[in-house]
Amino acid sequence: MFVYQESGIYHVFNRGWNHKQIFYSEENYRYLTEKIATTKERFGIDVIAYCLMPNHYHLLVQQNSEIPVSKWLQYIFNGYSQAINKQEGRKGTLFEGRPKHILIEGDKYFQELIAYIHFNPVAAGLVSEAAEWEFSNCQEWLGKRDSTLISKHIVDSFISKTEYKEFLKYYSEIQHEKILDKFKLEGS
């Protein structure tokens, strides 16, 4: 059985049951971000990067206490699921099982993962640039918005806003090339 460890950095993600949506309105996104913001300190969590998508989410977090990340996730997403079920007049599970998690080790992967998380709405065709998606903290990483949903001390110690902007542009170009190559292969 996996055990979350204090000081560990984790990429946590999950999607809606049967790939169905988990956010039905802008208020749903705001409700969840508020729930994350108001509980992260109590559970000893630093939010490094996040992106909330219509049918899934990505969180990059650091556990800073003995309370495992899993307890925090259970708390916020059980409450969120109950609220959505009530709102939509539905019963049952909202998510495809328990959240998946990856322990992050190494700066290179860390930087690519942050860009991957922020680039999700672009890859899904929801926006043309990562910073346009309101329900991620890409704007905070770029210095375009202040928020309590980012651990500034981690961000500031890792990469400058200018360097991240350049890396995100580079990452976007690489992903664009991969998409074009995929279409070339499928169209051949």
N, C-alpha and C. Protein backbone atom coordinates (compact mmCIF):
# COMPACT_ATOMS: atom_id res chain seq x y z
N MET A 1 0.84 -1.19 0.00
CA MET A 1 0.00 0.00 0.00
C MET A 1 0.89 1.25 0.00
N PHE A 2 0.53 2.22 -0.83
CA PHE A 2 1.29 3.45 -0.95
C PHE A 2 1.09 4.33 0.29
N VAL A 3 2.16 4.95 0.75
CA VAL A 3 2.09 5.86 1.89
C VAL A 3 2.65 7.21 1.46
N TYR A 4 1.81 8.25 1.55
CA TYR A 4 2.29 9.61 1.30
C TYR A 4 3.27 9.99 2.40
N GLN A 5 4.32 10.71 2.03
CA GLN A 5 5.36 11.05 3.00
C GLN A 5 5.48 12.57 3.15
N GLU A 6 5.79 12.97 4.37
CA GLU A 6 6.01 14.38 4.64
C GLU A 6 7.14 14.89 3.77
N SER A 7 6.99 16.07 3.22
CA SER A 7 7.91 16.75 2.30
C SER A 7 7.85 16.20 0.88
N GLY A 8 7.05 15.17 0.66
CA GLY A 8 6.91 14.62 -0.69
C GLY A 8 6.10 15.55 -1.58
N ILE A 9 6.48 15.61 -2.86
CA ILE A 9 5.74 16.38 -3.85
C ILE A 9 5.03 15.37 -4.75
N TYR A 10 3.73 15.58 -4.94
CA TYR A 10 2.90 14.60 -5.64
C TYR A 10 2.08 15.24 -6.75
N HIS A 11 2.04 14.56 -7.87
CA HIS A 11 1.10 14.89 -8.94
C HIS A 11 -0.11 14.00 -8.69
N VAL A 12 -1.23 14.63 -8.41
CA VAL A 12 -2.46 13.92 -8.11
C VAL A 12 -3.48 14.27 -9.19
N PHE A 13 -4.18 13.27 -9.70
CA PHE A 13 -5.14 13.53 -10.77
C PHE A 13 -6.25 12.50 -10.74
N ASN A 14 -7.38 12.89 -11.30
CA ASN A 14 -8.53 11.99 -11.42
C ASN A 14 -9.47 12.57 -12.46
N ARG A 15 -10.36 11.72 -12.94
CA ARG A 15 -11.33 12.18 -13.93
C ARG A 15 -12.71 11.71 -13.54
N GLY A 16 -13.68 12.30 -14.21
CA GLY A 16 -15.06 11.94 -13.95
C GLY A 16 -15.33 10.49 -14.35
N TRP A 17 -16.24 9.88 -13.61
CA TRP A 17 -16.64 8.51 -13.89
C TRP A 17 -17.08 8.41 -15.35
N ASN A 18 -16.54 7.41 -16.04
CA ASN A 18 -16.87 7.17 -17.45
C ASN A 18 -16.55 8.39 -18.32
N HIS A 19 -15.55 9.15 -17.92
CA HIS A 19 -15.09 10.35 -18.64
C HIS A 19 -16.13 11.47 -18.66
N LYS A 20 -17.10 11.41 -17.77
CA LYS A 20 -18.16 12.43 -17.71
C LYS A 20 -17.62 13.69 -17.02
N GLN A 21 -18.32 14.78 -17.22
CA GLN A 21 -17.87 16.03 -16.64
C GLN A 21 -18.01 16.03 -15.12
N ILE A 22 -17.16 16.82 -14.49
CA ILE A 22 -17.20 16.97 -13.04
C ILE A 22 -17.49 18.42 -12.64
N PHE A 23 -17.43 19.31 -13.61
CA PHE A 23 -17.78 20.71 -13.40
C PHE A 23 -18.90 21.07 -14.36
N TYR A 24 -19.98 21.64 -13.83
CA TYR A 24 -21.15 21.95 -14.64
C TYR A 24 -21.34 23.45 -14.84
N SER A 25 -20.64 24.24 -14.05
CA SER A 25 -20.77 25.69 -14.16
C SER A 25 -19.52 26.35 -13.60
N GLU A 26 -19.39 27.62 -13.87
CA GLU A 26 -18.28 28.39 -13.34
C GLU A 26 -18.29 28.38 -11.81
N GLU A 27 -19.49 28.38 -11.23
CA GLU A 27 -19.61 28.34 -9.78
C GLU A 27 -19.02 27.06 -9.19
N ASN A 28 -19.14 25.94 -9.94
CA ASN A 28 -18.56 24.68 -9.47
C ASN A 28 -17.04 24.80 -9.36
N TYR A 29 -16.40 25.37 -10.37
CA TYR A 29 -14.95 25.57 -10.32
C TYR A 29 -14.58 26.44 -9.12
N ARG A 30 -15.33 27.51 -8.92
CA ARG A 30 -15.04 28.44 -7.83
C ARG A 30 -15.25 27.78 -6.46
N TYR A 31 -16.29 26.96 -6.36
CA TYR A 31 -16.56 26.25 -5.12
C TYR A 31 -15.37 25.35 -4.75
N LEU A 32 -14.87 24.60 -5.72
CA LEU A 32 -13.76 23.70 -5.44
C LEU A 32 -12.48 24.46 -5.14
N THR A 33 -12.18 25.51 -5.89
CA THR A 33 -10.95 26.27 -5.60
C THR A 33 -11.03 26.91 -4.21
N GLU A 34 -12.21 27.34 -3.81
CA GLU A 34 -12.38 27.91 -2.46
C GLU A 34 -12.17 26.83 -1.41
N LYS A 35 -12.68 25.64 -1.67
CA LYS A 35 -12.51 24.51 -0.75
C LYS A 35 -11.02 24.15 -0.61
N ILE A 36 -10.31 24.16 -1.72
CA ILE A 36 -8.86 23.89 -1.69
C ILE A 36 -8.15 24.98 -0.90
N ALA A 37 -8.47 26.23 -1.19
CA ALA A 37 -7.81 27.37 -0.54
C ALA A 37 -8.04 27.40 0.96
N THR A 38 -9.24 27.05 1.40
CA THR A 38 -9.56 27.16 2.83
C THR A 38 -9.14 25.94 3.65
N THR A 39 -8.71 24.88 3.00
CA THR A 39 -8.34 23.67 3.74
C THR A 39 -6.86 23.31 3.65
N LYS A 40 -6.15 23.87 2.71
CA LYS A 40 -4.76 23.44 2.46
C LYS A 40 -3.86 23.67 3.67
N GLU A 41 -4.02 24.77 4.37
CA GLU A 41 -3.17 25.04 5.54
C GLU A 41 -3.48 24.09 6.69
N ARG A 42 -4.76 23.83 6.90
CA ARG A 42 -5.16 22.93 7.99
C ARG A 42 -4.59 21.53 7.79
N PHE A 43 -4.47 21.10 6.53
CA PHE A 43 -3.95 19.78 6.22
C PHE A 43 -2.45 19.80 5.91
N GLY A 44 -1.83 20.99 5.94
CA GLY A 44 -0.39 21.09 5.69
C GLY A 44 -0.01 20.83 4.25
N ILE A 45 -0.75 21.42 3.34
CA ILE A 45 -0.54 21.20 1.90
C ILE A 45 -0.08 22.50 1.24
N ASP A 46 0.96 22.42 0.42
CA ASP A 46 1.33 23.52 -0.47
C ASP A 46 0.84 23.17 -1.86
N VAL A 47 0.11 24.08 -2.48
CA VAL A 47 -0.34 23.90 -3.85
C VAL A 47 0.69 24.54 -4.76
N ILE A 48 1.30 23.75 -5.61
CA ILE A 48 2.33 24.23 -6.51
C ILE A 48 1.73 24.57 -7.86
N ALA A 49 0.99 23.64 -8.42
CA ALA A 49 0.31 23.86 -9.71
C ALA A 49 -1.01 23.11 -9.68
N TYR A 50 -1.97 23.66 -10.40
CA TYR A 50 -3.25 22.95 -10.54
C TYR A 50 -3.91 23.35 -11.84
N CYS A 51 -4.80 22.49 -12.29
CA CYS A 51 -5.65 22.79 -13.43
C CYS A 51 -6.93 21.98 -13.28
N LEU A 52 -8.05 22.68 -13.28
CA LEU A 52 -9.36 22.05 -13.20
C LEU A 52 -9.96 22.07 -14.59
N MET A 53 -10.24 20.89 -15.12
CA MET A 53 -10.79 20.74 -16.47
C MET A 53 -12.23 20.26 -16.37
N PRO A 54 -13.01 20.40 -17.44
CA PRO A 54 -14.42 19.99 -17.36
C PRO A 54 -14.63 18.55 -16.86
N ASN A 55 -13.74 17.62 -17.23
CA ASN A 55 -13.96 16.23 -16.82
C ASN A 55 -12.80 15.61 -16.02
N HIS A 56 -11.82 16.40 -15.63
CA HIS A 56 -10.73 15.88 -14.81
C HIS A 56 -9.98 17.03 -14.13
N TYR A 57 -9.07 16.66 -13.26
CA TYR A 57 -8.26 17.69 -12.59
C TYR A 57 -6.83 17.18 -12.42
N HIS A 58 -5.91 18.12 -12.26
CA HIS A 58 -4.50 17.87 -11.95
C HIS A 58 -4.12 18.77 -10.79
N LEU A 59 -3.45 18.20 -9.80
CA LEU A 59 -2.91 18.97 -8.69
C LEU A 59 -1.46 18.57 -8.50
N LEU A 60 -0.59 19.53 -8.31
CA LEU A 60 0.79 19.28 -7.93
C LEU A 60 0.94 19.89 -6.56
N VAL A 61 1.12 19.03 -5.55
CA VAL A 61 1.10 19.50 -4.17
C VAL A 61 2.27 18.92 -3.38
N GLN A 62 2.60 19.62 -2.31
CA GLN A 62 3.61 19.13 -1.39
C GLN A 62 2.96 18.91 -0.04
N GLN A 63 3.22 17.75 0.56
CA GLN A 63 2.72 17.42 1.89
C GLN A 63 3.72 17.95 2.91
N ASN A 64 3.26 18.83 3.78
CA ASN A 64 4.16 19.45 4.76
C ASN A 64 3.85 19.07 6.21
N SER A 65 3.10 18.01 6.41
CA SER A 65 2.79 17.56 7.76
C SER A 65 2.68 16.04 7.74
N GLU A 66 2.37 15.48 8.88
CA GLU A 66 2.17 14.04 8.95
C GLU A 66 0.83 13.62 8.37
N ILE A 67 -0.07 14.57 8.17
CA ILE A 67 -1.38 14.26 7.59
C ILE A 67 -1.17 13.95 6.11
N PRO A 68 -1.53 12.75 5.67
CA PRO A 68 -1.29 12.39 4.27
C PRO A 68 -2.16 13.18 3.30
N VAL A 69 -1.61 13.44 2.14
CA VAL A 69 -2.33 14.13 1.07
C VAL A 69 -3.68 13.46 0.84
N SER A 70 -3.73 12.14 0.96
CA SER A 70 -4.96 11.40 0.71
C SER A 70 -6.11 11.85 1.62
N LYS A 71 -5.82 12.21 2.86
CA LYS A 71 -6.86 12.68 3.79
C LYS A 71 -7.44 14.01 3.30
N TRP A 72 -6.56 14.88 2.84
CA TRP A 72 -7.00 16.18 2.30
C TRP A 72 -7.85 15.97 1.06
N LEU A 73 -7.37 15.14 0.15
CA LEU A 73 -8.12 14.87 -1.08
C LEU A 73 -9.49 14.30 -0.77
N GLN A 74 -9.53 13.35 0.16
CA GLN A 74 -10.80 12.74 0.56
C GLN A 74 -11.76 13.80 1.09
N TYR A 75 -11.23 14.69 1.92
CA TYR A 75 -12.06 15.74 2.51
C TYR A 75 -12.63 16.67 1.43
N ILE A 76 -11.77 17.19 0.56
CA ILE A 76 -12.27 18.17 -0.41
C ILE A 76 -13.15 17.52 -1.49
N PHE A 77 -12.78 16.34 -1.96
CA PHE A 77 -13.54 15.75 -3.06
C PHE A 77 -14.80 15.00 -2.61
N ASN A 78 -14.84 14.50 -1.39
CA ASN A 78 -16.11 13.96 -0.89
C ASN A 78 -17.14 15.07 -0.77
N GLY A 79 -16.71 16.20 -0.19
CA GLY A 79 -17.60 17.35 -0.07
C GLY A 79 -18.03 17.88 -1.44
N TYR A 80 -17.08 17.95 -2.35
CA TYR A 80 -17.40 18.43 -3.70
C TYR A 80 -18.39 17.49 -4.38
N SER A 81 -18.16 16.19 -4.28
CA SER A 81 -19.06 15.20 -4.91
C SER A 81 -20.47 15.31 -4.35
N GLN A 82 -20.58 15.47 -3.05
CA GLN A 82 -21.89 15.61 -2.43
C GLN A 82 -22.60 16.86 -2.94
N ALA A 83 -21.86 17.95 -3.05
CA ALA A 83 -22.46 19.20 -3.53
C ALA A 83 -22.94 19.06 -4.98
N ILE A 84 -22.13 18.42 -5.83
CA ILE A 84 -22.52 18.23 -7.23
C ILE A 84 -23.73 17.30 -7.33
N ASN A 85 -23.72 16.21 -6.57
CA ASN A 85 -24.87 15.29 -6.59
C ASN A 85 -26.15 16.00 -6.19
N LYS A 86 -26.07 16.84 -5.18
CA LYS A 86 -27.24 17.61 -4.75
C LYS A 86 -27.67 18.58 -5.84
N GLN A 87 -26.70 19.31 -6.38
CA GLN A 87 -26.99 20.30 -7.43
C GLN A 87 -27.63 19.64 -8.65
N GLU A 88 -27.10 18.51 -9.08
CA GLU A 88 -27.55 17.85 -10.31
C GLU A 88 -28.67 16.83 -10.08
N GLY A 89 -29.07 16.65 -8.82
CA GLY A 89 -30.12 15.68 -8.52
C GLY A 89 -29.72 14.26 -8.90
N ARG A 90 -28.49 13.91 -8.61
CA ARG A 90 -27.97 12.60 -8.98
C ARG A 90 -27.44 11.90 -7.75
N LYS A 91 -27.16 10.60 -7.91
CA LYS A 91 -26.57 9.80 -6.83
C LYS A 91 -25.39 9.05 -7.39
N GLY A 92 -24.57 8.58 -6.50
CA GLY A 92 -23.45 7.76 -6.93
C GLY A 92 -22.15 8.53 -7.03
N THR A 93 -21.18 7.84 -7.61
CA THR A 93 -19.83 8.37 -7.69
C THR A 93 -19.70 9.44 -8.77
N LEU A 94 -18.88 10.41 -8.51
CA LEU A 94 -18.58 11.45 -9.50
C LEU A 94 -17.28 11.13 -10.22
N PHE A 95 -16.37 10.45 -9.51
CA PHE A 95 -15.03 10.20 -10.04
C PHE A 95 -14.80 8.73 -10.35
N GLU A 96 -13.78 8.49 -11.18
CA GLU A 96 -13.36 7.15 -11.55
C GLU A 96 -12.44 6.56 -10.48
N GLY A 97 -12.99 6.26 -9.34
CA GLY A 97 -12.19 5.68 -8.27
C GLY A 97 -11.39 6.71 -7.53
N ARG A 98 -10.37 6.20 -6.83
CA ARG A 98 -9.51 7.07 -6.04
C ARG A 98 -8.57 7.85 -6.96
N PRO A 99 -8.11 9.02 -6.47
CA PRO A 99 -7.16 9.79 -7.27
C PRO A 99 -5.87 9.00 -7.50
N LYS A 100 -5.29 9.18 -8.67
CA LYS A 100 -3.98 8.60 -8.97
C LYS A 100 -2.92 9.57 -8.47
N HIS A 101 -1.73 9.06 -8.20
CA HIS A 101 -0.68 9.92 -7.68
C HIS A 101 0.68 9.43 -8.17
N ILE A 102 1.57 10.39 -8.34
CA ILE A 102 2.95 10.10 -8.72
C ILE A 102 3.85 10.93 -7.82
N LEU A 103 4.81 10.30 -7.19
CA LEU A 103 5.81 11.01 -6.39
C LEU A 103 6.78 11.67 -7.36
N ILE A 104 7.01 12.96 -7.20
CA ILE A 104 7.86 13.71 -8.13
C ILE A 104 9.27 13.82 -7.57
N GLU A 105 10.22 13.39 -8.38
CA GLU A 105 11.62 13.49 -8.00
C GLU A 105 12.40 14.01 -9.20
N GLY A 106 13.13 15.08 -9.01
CA GLY A 106 13.95 15.65 -10.08
C GLY A 106 13.37 16.92 -10.65
N ASP A 107 14.21 17.93 -10.78
CA ASP A 107 13.77 19.24 -11.26
C ASP A 107 13.31 19.26 -12.70
N LYS A 108 13.95 18.50 -13.59
CA LYS A 108 13.58 18.55 -15.00
C LYS A 108 12.14 18.06 -15.19
N TYR A 109 11.82 16.94 -14.61
CA TYR A 109 10.46 16.42 -14.71
C TYR A 109 9.48 17.37 -14.03
N PHE A 110 9.89 17.96 -12.92
CA PHE A 110 9.06 18.90 -12.17
C PHE A 110 8.62 20.06 -13.06
N GLN A 111 9.57 20.65 -13.76
CA GLN A 111 9.28 21.78 -14.64
C GLN A 111 8.38 21.36 -15.80
N GLU A 112 8.65 20.22 -16.40
CA GLU A 112 7.81 19.74 -17.50
C GLU A 112 6.40 19.42 -17.01
N LEU A 113 6.29 18.88 -15.82
CA LEU A 113 4.99 18.54 -15.27
C LEU A 113 4.14 19.79 -15.03
N ILE A 114 4.74 20.83 -14.53
CA ILE A 114 4.00 22.08 -14.31
C ILE A 114 3.48 22.61 -15.64
N ALA A 115 4.32 22.61 -16.66
CA ALA A 115 3.88 23.05 -17.99
C ALA A 115 2.79 22.13 -18.53
N TYR A 116 2.95 20.83 -18.34
CA TYR A 116 1.93 19.86 -18.78
C TYR A 116 0.59 20.16 -18.12
N ILE A 117 0.61 20.39 -16.81
CA ILE A 117 -0.63 20.69 -16.09
C ILE A 117 -1.27 21.96 -16.64
N HIS A 118 -0.48 23.01 -16.83
CA HIS A 118 -1.02 24.27 -17.31
C HIS A 118 -1.44 24.21 -18.78
N PHE A 119 -0.84 23.31 -19.54
CA PHE A 119 -1.12 23.22 -20.97
C PHE A 119 -2.38 22.39 -21.27
N ASN A 120 -2.93 21.71 -20.30
CA ASN A 120 -4.09 20.86 -20.51
C ASN A 120 -5.24 21.53 -21.26
N PRO A 121 -5.66 22.74 -20.90
CA PRO A 121 -6.78 23.37 -21.60
C PRO A 121 -6.46 23.69 -23.07
N VAL A 122 -5.19 23.95 -23.37
CA VAL A 122 -4.79 24.18 -24.76
C VAL A 122 -4.89 22.87 -25.54
N ALA A 123 -4.36 21.79 -24.97
CA ALA A 123 -4.41 20.48 -25.62
C ALA A 123 -5.85 20.03 -25.86
N ALA A 124 -6.75 20.43 -24.97
CA ALA A 124 -8.17 20.06 -25.10
C ALA A 124 -8.93 20.99 -26.05
N GLY A 125 -8.27 22.05 -26.54
CA GLY A 125 -8.93 22.98 -27.45
C GLY A 125 -9.85 23.97 -26.78
N LEU A 126 -9.69 24.17 -25.47
CA LEU A 126 -10.56 25.10 -24.75
C LEU A 126 -10.07 26.54 -24.84
N VAL A 127 -8.76 26.72 -24.97
CA VAL A 127 -8.14 28.04 -25.09
C VAL A 127 -6.95 27.91 -26.04
N SER A 128 -6.45 29.04 -26.51
CA SER A 128 -5.29 28.98 -27.41
C SER A 128 -3.96 29.13 -26.67
N GLU A 129 -3.99 29.70 -25.44
CA GLU A 129 -2.79 29.84 -24.63
C GLU A 129 -3.12 29.42 -23.19
N ALA A 130 -2.17 28.79 -22.54
CA ALA A 130 -2.39 28.25 -21.20
C ALA A 130 -2.87 29.31 -20.21
N ALA A 131 -2.35 30.52 -20.29
CA ALA A 131 -2.70 31.57 -19.34
C ALA A 131 -4.14 32.06 -19.51
N GLU A 132 -4.79 31.69 -20.59
CA GLU A 132 -6.18 32.10 -20.82
C GLU A 132 -7.16 31.29 -19.97
N TRP A 133 -6.75 30.10 -19.52
CA TRP A 133 -7.66 29.25 -18.75
C TRP A 133 -7.71 29.76 -17.32
N GLU A 134 -8.88 30.15 -16.89
CA GLU A 134 -9.06 30.78 -15.59
C GLU A 134 -8.90 29.80 -14.42
N PHE A 135 -9.11 28.51 -14.67
CA PHE A 135 -9.18 27.54 -13.58
C PHE A 135 -7.90 26.71 -13.45
N SER A 136 -6.79 27.42 -13.55
CA SER A 136 -5.47 26.87 -13.25
C SER A 136 -4.69 28.00 -12.60
N ASN A 137 -3.49 27.70 -12.12
CA ASN A 137 -2.70 28.78 -11.56
C ASN A 137 -1.55 29.19 -12.49
N CYS A 138 -1.74 28.98 -13.77
CA CYS A 138 -0.75 29.42 -14.76
C CYS A 138 -0.53 30.93 -14.67
N GLN A 139 -1.59 31.68 -14.52
CA GLN A 139 -1.45 33.14 -14.44
C GLN A 139 -0.60 33.55 -13.24
N GLU A 140 -0.71 32.82 -12.15
CA GLU A 140 0.11 33.12 -10.98
C GLU A 140 1.58 32.82 -11.27
N TRP A 141 1.83 31.70 -11.95
CA TRP A 141 3.21 31.35 -12.31
C TRP A 141 3.83 32.41 -13.20
N LEU A 142 3.00 33.07 -14.03
CA LEU A 142 3.49 34.09 -14.95
C LEU A 142 3.45 35.49 -14.34
N GLY A 143 2.95 35.62 -13.11
CA GLY A 143 2.90 36.91 -12.44
C GLY A 143 1.77 37.79 -12.91
N LYS A 144 0.73 37.20 -13.52
CA LYS A 144 -0.38 37.99 -14.06
C LYS A 144 -1.58 38.06 -13.11
N ARG A 145 -1.54 37.28 -12.02
CA ARG A 145 -2.66 37.26 -11.09
C ARG A 145 -2.14 36.82 -9.73
N ASP A 146 -2.71 37.40 -8.66
CA ASP A 146 -2.39 36.97 -7.30
C ASP A 146 -3.47 36.01 -6.84
N SER A 147 -3.07 35.05 -6.01
CA SER A 147 -4.02 34.06 -5.52
C SER A 147 -3.45 33.37 -4.30
N THR A 148 -4.33 32.82 -3.49
CA THR A 148 -3.89 32.01 -2.36
C THR A 148 -3.70 30.56 -2.79
N LEU A 149 -3.98 30.25 -4.04
CA LEU A 149 -3.85 28.88 -4.53
C LEU A 149 -2.52 28.64 -5.22
N ILE A 150 -1.49 29.18 -4.65
CA ILE A 150 -0.14 28.90 -5.13
C ILE A 150 0.80 29.13 -3.96
N SER A 151 1.78 28.28 -3.85
CA SER A 151 2.78 28.44 -2.81
C SER A 151 3.95 29.23 -3.39
N LYS A 152 3.87 30.53 -3.22
CA LYS A 152 4.83 31.44 -3.87
C LYS A 152 6.28 31.14 -3.49
N HIS A 153 6.52 30.72 -2.27
CA HIS A 153 7.91 30.44 -1.86
C HIS A 153 8.51 29.29 -2.67
N ILE A 154 7.71 28.32 -3.05
CA ILE A 154 8.21 27.22 -3.89
C ILE A 154 8.45 27.71 -5.31
N VAL A 155 7.47 28.43 -5.84
CA VAL A 155 7.57 28.94 -7.20
C VAL A 155 8.77 29.86 -7.35
N ASP A 156 8.89 30.83 -6.43
CA ASP A 156 9.97 31.81 -6.51
C ASP A 156 11.35 31.18 -6.35
N SER A 157 11.43 30.09 -5.60
CA SER A 157 12.72 29.44 -5.41
C SER A 157 13.08 28.53 -6.58
N PHE A 158 12.11 28.25 -7.44
CA PHE A 158 12.33 27.30 -8.51
C PHE A 158 12.71 27.94 -9.84
N ILE A 159 11.92 28.92 -10.28
CA ILE A 159 12.12 29.51 -11.60
C ILE A 159 11.53 30.92 -11.62
N SER A 160 12.12 31.81 -12.37
CA SER A 160 11.57 33.16 -12.46
C SER A 160 10.35 33.16 -13.38
N LYS A 161 9.53 34.17 -13.23
CA LYS A 161 8.33 34.29 -14.07
C LYS A 161 8.71 34.39 -15.56
N THR A 162 9.77 35.12 -15.84
CA THR A 162 10.24 35.25 -17.23
C THR A 162 10.72 33.91 -17.77
N GLU A 163 11.49 33.19 -16.96
CA GLU A 163 11.97 31.88 -17.40
C GLU A 163 10.82 30.91 -17.62
N TYR A 164 9.81 30.97 -16.73
CA TYR A 164 8.67 30.06 -16.90
C TYR A 164 7.88 30.43 -18.16
N LYS A 165 7.74 31.71 -18.42
CA LYS A 165 7.03 32.15 -19.63
C LYS A 165 7.73 31.59 -20.87
N GLU A 166 9.05 31.67 -20.90
CA GLU A 166 9.82 31.14 -22.02
C GLU A 166 9.70 29.61 -22.12
N PHE A 167 9.77 28.95 -20.95
CA PHE A 167 9.65 27.50 -20.96
C PHE A 167 8.26 27.06 -21.42
N LEU A 168 7.23 27.76 -20.99
CA LEU A 168 5.86 27.43 -21.39
C LEU A 168 5.68 27.62 -22.90
N LYS A 169 6.30 28.66 -23.44
CA LYS A 169 6.25 28.88 -24.89
C LYS A 169 6.95 27.73 -25.62
N TYR A 170 8.12 27.35 -25.14
CA TYR A 170 8.88 26.23 -25.70
C TYR A 170 8.06 24.94 -25.61
N TYR A 171 7.47 24.69 -24.45
CA TYR A 171 6.66 23.49 -24.23
C TYR A 171 5.48 23.48 -25.19
N SER A 172 4.84 24.62 -25.37
CA SER A 172 3.69 24.74 -26.28
C SER A 172 4.09 24.41 -27.71
N GLU A 173 5.25 24.89 -28.14
CA GLU A 173 5.74 24.60 -29.49
C GLU A 173 6.01 23.11 -29.68
N ILE A 174 6.60 22.47 -28.69
CA ILE A 174 6.87 21.04 -28.75
C ILE A 174 5.55 20.26 -28.84
N GLN A 175 4.59 20.64 -28.02
CA GLN A 175 3.30 19.94 -28.03
C GLN A 175 2.57 20.15 -29.35
N HIS A 176 2.68 21.35 -29.91
CA HIS A 176 2.06 21.64 -31.20
C HIS A 176 2.66 20.73 -32.28
N GLU A 177 3.97 20.58 -32.25
CA GLU A 177 4.64 19.70 -33.22
C GLU A 177 4.19 18.24 -33.05
N LYS A 178 4.04 17.79 -31.82
CA LYS A 178 3.58 16.42 -31.57
C LYS A 178 2.17 16.21 -32.11
N ILE A 179 1.31 17.20 -31.93
CA ILE A 179 -0.06 17.10 -32.44
C ILE A 179 -0.05 17.05 -33.97
N LEU A 180 0.75 17.92 -34.59
CA LEU A 180 0.85 17.91 -36.06
C LEU A 180 1.37 16.57 -36.56
N ASP A 181 2.40 16.04 -35.90
CA ASP A 181 2.95 14.74 -36.30
C ASP A 181 1.91 13.64 -36.17
N LYS A 182 1.09 13.69 -35.14
CA LYS A 182 0.05 12.70 -34.95
C LYS A 182 -0.94 12.74 -36.11
N PHE A 183 -1.35 13.95 -36.50
CA PHE A 183 -2.29 14.08 -37.61
C PHE A 183 -1.68 13.64 -38.93
N LYS A 184 -0.39 13.88 -39.11
CA LYS A 184 0.30 13.44 -40.33
C LYS A 184 0.27 11.92 -40.41
N LEU A 185 0.55 11.25 -39.28
CA LEU A 185 0.53 9.79 -39.26
C LEU A 185 -0.86 9.23 -39.50
N GLU A 186 -1.86 9.85 -38.91
CA GLU A 186 -3.24 9.37 -39.07
C GLU A 186 -3.76 9.67 -40.48
N GLY A 187 -3.28 10.76 -41.09
CA GLY A 187 -3.76 11.14 -42.42
C GLY A 187 -3.04 10.41 -43.56
N SER A 188 -1.95 9.71 -43.27
CA SER A 188 -1.16 9.02 -44.32
C SER A 188 -1.90 7.85 -44.90
